[in-house]
Every structure is written in structure tokens, then in C-alpha cells.
PDB file of N, CA and C in Angstrom:
ATOM      1  N   MET A   1      -7.514   8.088 -13.718  1.00  0.00           N
ATOM      2  CA  MET A   1      -6.615   8.983 -12.147  1.00  0.00           C
ATOM      3  C   MET A   1      -5.220   7.921 -13.165  1.00  0.00           C
ATOM      4  N   ALA A   2      -4.161   8.448 -13.437  1.00  0.00           N
ATOM      5  CA  ALA A   2      -2.391   7.842 -13.899  1.00  0.00           C
ATOM      6  C   ALA A   2      -1.873   7.315 -13.005  1.00  0.00           C
ATOM      7  N   SER A   3      -1.505   6.437 -13.170  1.00  0.00           N
ATOM      8  CA  SER A   3      -0.283   6.202 -11.692  1.00  0.00           C
ATOM      9  C   SER A   3       0.883   6.143 -11.991  1.00  0.00           C
ATOM     10  N   ILE A   4       2.283   6.157 -10.851  1.00  0.00           N
ATOM     11  CA  ILE A   4       3.167   6.123 -11.443  1.00  0.00           C
ATOM     12  C   ILE A   4       4.403   5.321 -10.765  1.00  0.00           C
ATOM     13  N   ASN A   5       5.366   4.907 -10.638  1.00  0.00           N
ATOM     14  CA  ASN A   5       6.024   4.282 -10.195  1.00  0.00           C
ATOM     15  C   ASN A   5       6.526   5.165  -9.303  1.00  0.00           C
ATOM     16  N   LEU A   6       6.487   4.160  -7.800  1.00  0.00           N
ATOM     17  CA  LEU A   6       7.291   4.326  -6.685  1.00  0.00           C
ATOM     18  C   LEU A   6       8.202   3.843  -6.036  1.00  0.00           C
ATOM     19  N   THR A   7       9.183   4.083  -5.580  1.00  0.00           N
ATOM     20  CA  THR A   7      10.319   2.736  -4.784  1.00  0.00           C
ATOM     21  C   THR A   7      10.380   2.901  -3.502  1.00  0.00           C
ATOM     22  N   ILE A   8       9.938   2.355  -2.889  1.00  0.00           N
ATOM     23  CA  ILE A   8      10.170   2.539  -1.632  1.00  0.00           C
ATOM     24  C   ILE A   8      11.277   1.772  -0.644  1.00  0.00           C
ATOM     25  N   ARG A   9      12.410   1.989   0.190  1.00  0.00           N
ATOM     26  CA  ARG A   9      12.716   0.860   1.362  1.00  0.00           C
ATOM     27  C   ARG A   9      11.658   0.662   2.202  1.00  0.00           C
ATOM     28  N   ILE A  10      11.609  -0.889   2.429  1.00  0.00           N
ATOM     29  CA  ILE A  10      11.032  -1.425   3.669  1.00  0.00           C
ATOM     30  C   ILE A  10      11.992  -2.835   4.265  1.00  0.00           C
ATOM     31  N   ASP A  11      10.991  -2.520   5.559  1.00  0.00           N
ATOM     32  CA  ASP A  11      11.964  -4.066   6.735  1.00  0.00           C
ATOM     33  C   ASP A  11      11.885  -4.545   5.375  1.00  0.00           C
ATOM     34  N   GLU A  12      12.730  -5.605   5.771  1.00  0.00           N
ATOM     35  CA  GLU A  12      12.953  -7.009   4.910  1.00  0.00           C
ATOM     36  C   GLU A  12      11.387  -8.110   5.891  1.00  0.00           C
ATOM     37  N   ASN A  13      11.135  -7.875   7.112  1.00  0.00           N
ATOM     38  CA  ASN A  13      10.763  -8.425   7.645  1.00  0.00           C
ATOM     39  C   ASN A  13       9.291  -8.445   7.589  1.00  0.00           C
ATOM     40  N   ASP A  14       8.824  -7.160   6.965  1.00  0.00           N
ATOM     41  CA  ASP A  14       7.301  -6.176   6.703  1.00  0.00           C
ATOM     42  C   ASP A  14       7.123  -6.943   4.972  1.00  0.00           C
ATOM     43  N   LYS A  15       8.652  -6.869   4.706  1.00  0.00           N
ATOM     44  CA  LYS A  15       8.073  -7.405   2.981  1.00  0.00           C
ATOM     45  C   LYS A  15       7.184  -8.758   3.180  1.00  0.00           C
ATOM     46  N   LYS A  16       8.382  -9.843   4.173  1.00  0.00           N
ATOM     47  CA  LYS A  16       8.256 -11.074   3.728  1.00  0.00           C
ATOM     48  C   LYS A  16       6.833 -11.138   4.536  1.00  0.00           C
ATOM     49  N   THR A  17       6.216 -10.389   5.157  1.00  0.00           N
ATOM     50  CA  THR A  17       4.522 -10.934   6.206  1.00  0.00           C
ATOM     51  C   THR A  17       3.772 -10.391   4.872  1.00  0.00           C
ATOM     52  N   ILE A  18       4.052  -8.730   3.903  1.00  0.00           N
ATOM     53  CA  ILE A  18       2.605  -8.714   3.242  1.00  0.00           C
ATOM     54  C   ILE A  18       3.043  -9.316   2.026  1.00  0.00           C
ATOM     55  N   GLU A  19       4.328 -10.240   1.934  1.00  0.00           N
ATOM     56  CA  GLU A  19       4.305 -11.088   0.196  1.00  0.00           C
ATOM     57  C   GLU A  19       3.491 -12.234   0.729  1.00  0.00           C
ATOM     58  N   GLN A  20       3.122 -12.822   2.067  1.00  0.00           N
ATOM     59  CA  GLN A  20       2.584 -13.889   2.482  1.00  0.00           C
ATOM     60  C   GLN A  20       0.809 -13.637   2.515  1.00  0.00           C
ATOM     61  N   PHE A  21       0.968 -12.330   3.175  1.00  0.00           N
ATOM     62  CA  PHE A  21      -0.398 -12.028   3.644  1.00  0.00           C
ATOM     63  C   PHE A  21      -1.476 -11.669   1.843  1.00  0.00           C
ATOM     64  N   ALA A  22      -0.486 -11.090   1.044  1.00  0.00           N
ATOM     65  CA  ALA A  22      -1.307 -10.943  -0.033  1.00  0.00           C
ATOM     66  C   ALA A  22      -1.202 -12.453  -1.111  1.00  0.00           C
ATOM     67  N   LYS A  23      -0.461 -13.269  -0.971  1.00  0.00           N
ATOM     68  CA  LYS A  23      -0.627 -14.485  -2.067  1.00  0.00           C
ATOM     69  C   LYS A  23      -1.108 -15.197  -1.010  1.00  0.00           C
ATOM     70  N   LYS A  24      -2.192 -14.878   0.703  1.00  0.00           N
ATOM     71  CA  LYS A  24      -3.211 -15.783   1.338  1.00  0.00           C
ATOM     72  C   LYS A  24      -4.430 -15.332   0.646  1.00  0.00           C
ATOM     73  N   ASN A  25      -4.298 -14.133   0.023  1.00  0.00           N
ATOM     74  CA  ASN A  25      -5.856 -13.210  -0.161  1.00  0.00           C
ATOM     75  C   ASN A  25      -5.527 -13.720  -1.443  1.00  0.00           C
ATOM     76  N   ASP A  26      -5.043 -13.725  -2.378  1.00  0.00           N
ATOM     77  CA  ASP A  26      -5.107 -13.740  -4.135  1.00  0.00           C
ATOM     78  C   ASP A  26      -5.077 -12.404  -3.923  1.00  0.00           C
ATOM     79  N   ARG A  27      -4.027 -10.996  -3.609  1.00  0.00           N
ATOM     80  CA  ARG A  27      -4.154  -9.774  -4.428  1.00  0.00           C
ATOM     81  C   ARG A  27      -2.749  -9.670  -4.315  1.00  0.00           C
ATOM     82  N   SER A  28      -2.319  -8.688  -5.069  1.00  0.00           N
ATOM     83  CA  SER A  28      -0.629  -8.264  -5.022  1.00  0.00           C
ATOM     84  C   SER A  28      -0.778  -7.679  -3.494  1.00  0.00           C
ATOM     85  N   ILE A  29       0.549  -7.355  -3.993  1.00  0.00           N
ATOM     86  CA  ILE A  29       1.511  -6.400  -2.877  1.00  0.00           C
ATOM     87  C   ILE A  29       0.711  -4.758  -3.112  1.00  0.00           C
ATOM     88  N   ASN A  30       1.030  -4.772  -4.491  1.00  0.00           N
ATOM     89  CA  ASN A  30       0.928  -3.450  -4.442  1.00  0.00           C
ATOM     90  C   ASN A  30      -0.650  -2.959  -4.440  1.00  0.00           C
ATOM     91  N   TYR A  31      -1.295  -3.981  -4.678  1.00  0.00           N
ATOM     92  CA  TYR A  31      -2.797  -3.643  -4.006  1.00  0.00           C
ATOM     93  C   TYR A  31      -2.703  -3.289  -2.215  1.00  0.00           C
ATOM     94  N   TYR A  32      -2.393  -3.544  -1.747  1.00  0.00           N
ATOM     95  CA  TYR A  32      -1.954  -3.654  -0.363  1.00  0.00           C
ATOM     96  C   TYR A  32      -1.294  -2.500  -0.372  1.00  0.00           C
ATOM     97  N   VAL A  33      -0.260  -2.004  -0.510  1.00  0.00           N
ATOM     98  CA  VAL A  33       0.382  -0.491  -0.546  1.00  0.00           C
ATOM     99  C   VAL A  33      -0.219   0.430  -0.529  1.00  0.00           C
ATOM    100  N   ASN A  34      -1.298   0.238  -1.974  1.00  0.00           N
ATOM    101  CA  ASN A  34      -1.621   1.400  -2.224  1.00  0.00           C
ATOM    102  C   ASN A  34      -3.547   1.561  -1.198  1.00  0.00           C
ATOM    103  N   GLN A  35      -3.772   0.698  -0.631  1.00  0.00           N
ATOM    104  CA  GLN A  35      -4.888   0.733   0.339  1.00  0.00           C
ATOM    105  C   GLN A  35      -4.457   1.673   1.734  1.00  0.00           C
ATOM    106  N   ALA A  36      -3.089   1.081   1.477  1.00  0.00           N
ATOM    107  CA  ALA A  36      -2.647   1.830   3.177  1.00  0.00           C
ATOM    108  C   ALA A  36      -2.188   3.066   3.143  1.00  0.00           C
ATOM    109  N   ILE A  37      -1.854   3.764   1.811  1.00  0.00           N
ATOM    110  CA  ILE A  37      -1.679   4.813   1.661  1.00  0.00           C
ATOM    111  C   ILE A  37      -2.460   5.544   1.537  1.00  0.00           C
ATOM    112  N   LYS A  38      -4.141   4.869   0.810  1.00  0.00           N
ATOM    113  CA  LYS A  38      -5.198   5.797   0.736  1.00  0.00           C
ATOM    114  C   LYS A  38      -5.361   6.007   2.156  1.00  0.00           C
ATOM    115  N   GLU A  39      -6.198   4.817   3.024  1.00  0.00           N
ATOM    116  CA  GLU A  39      -6.077   4.903   4.197  1.00  0.00           C
ATOM    117  C   GLU A  39      -5.815   5.904   5.301  1.00  0.00           C
ATOM    118  N   PHE A  40      -4.509   6.009   5.014  1.00  0.00           N
ATOM    119  CA  PHE A  40      -3.230   6.915   5.360  1.00  0.00           C
ATOM    120  C   PHE A  40      -3.277   8.671   5.243  1.00  0.00           C
ATOM    121  N   ILE A  41      -3.526   8.789   3.634  1.00  0.00           N
ATOM    122  CA  ILE A  41      -4.430  10.165   3.565  1.00  0.00           C
ATOM    123  C   ILE A  41      -5.807  10.516   3.957  1.00  0.00           C
ATOM    124  N   LYS A  42      -6.275   9.392   3.846  1.00  0.00           N
ATOM    125  CA  LYS A  42      -8.314   9.941   4.356  1.00  0.00           C
ATOM    126  C   LYS A  42      -7.840  10.002   5.843  1.00  0.00           C
ATOM    127  N   LYS A  43      -7.332   9.649   6.640  1.00  0.00           N
ATOM    128  CA  LYS A  43      -7.261   9.632   7.955  1.00  0.00           C
ATOM    129  C   LYS A  43      -6.294  11.333   8.276  1.00  0.00           C
ATOM    130  N   ASN A  44      -5.443  11.684   7.339  1.00  0.00           N
ATOM    131  CA  ASN A  44      -4.079  12.507   8.203  1.00  0.00           C
ATOM    132  C   ASN A  44      -4.348  13.565   7.239  1.00  0.00           C
ATOM    133  N   VAL A  45      -5.223  13.972   5.924  1.00  0.00           N
ATOM    134  CA  VAL A  45      -5.546  14.809   4.900  1.00  0.00           C
ATOM    135  C   VAL A  45      -6.968  15.520   4.946  1.00  0.00           C
ATOM    136  N   PRO A  46      -7.668  15.382   6.070  1.00  0.00           N
ATOM    137  CA  PRO A  46      -8.762  15.562   6.304  1.00  0.00           C
ATOM    138  C   PRO A  46      -9.674  16.346   4.707  1.00  0.00           C
ATOM    139  N   ASP A  47      -8.815  17.650   4.218  1.00  0.00           N
ATOM    140  CA  ASP A  47      -9.068  18.458   3.525  1.00  0.00           C
ATOM    141  C   ASP A  47      -8.778  17.928   2.043  1.00  0.00           C
ATOM    142  N   LYS A  48      -8.604  16.691   2.178  1.00  0.00           N
ATOM    143  CA  LYS A  48      -7.839  16.061   0.151  1.00  0.00           C
ATOM    144  C   LYS A  48      -9.391  15.753  -0.024  1.00  0.00           C
ATOM    145  N   GLU A  49      -9.445  16.259  -1.189  1.00  0.00           N
ATOM    146  CA  GLU A  49     -10.483  15.788  -2.129  1.00  0.00           C
ATOM    147  C   GLU A  49     -10.069  14.538  -3.041  1.00  0.00           C
ATOM    148  N   GLU A  50     -10.668  14.050  -3.131  1.00  0.00           N
ATOM    149  CA  GLU A  50     -10.416  12.862  -4.364  1.00  0.00           C
ATOM    150  C   GLU A  50     -11.056  13.215  -5.453  1.00  0.00           C
TER     151      GLU A  50
END
């Protein structure tokens, strides 16, 4: 599956929190943002086929 760039705006404190969490778990911020998006789609778009 192809990937694209996406620009978002988030609260500064949320960014700091996710940066710290990602660093602690040796993962990228991108990894966690993608996981959150996939979970959102899974919960809110039940007819979505992967």
C-alpha cells in the first residue's frame, strides 16, 4: 500500500507527550499516529475493508 504525507496540527503538550512515549518505547511518532488512525477507522467505520 502506498503512503502519503499528511500535515496535522495538534496541541503542543500532546506532541511532547507522544514524543516522550515514542522515545521511551523506541518507536517513531509516525508509528503511533498510524496506529491511532487505524484504530479510529476500525471502531468508527465498520464497513471499511482493509
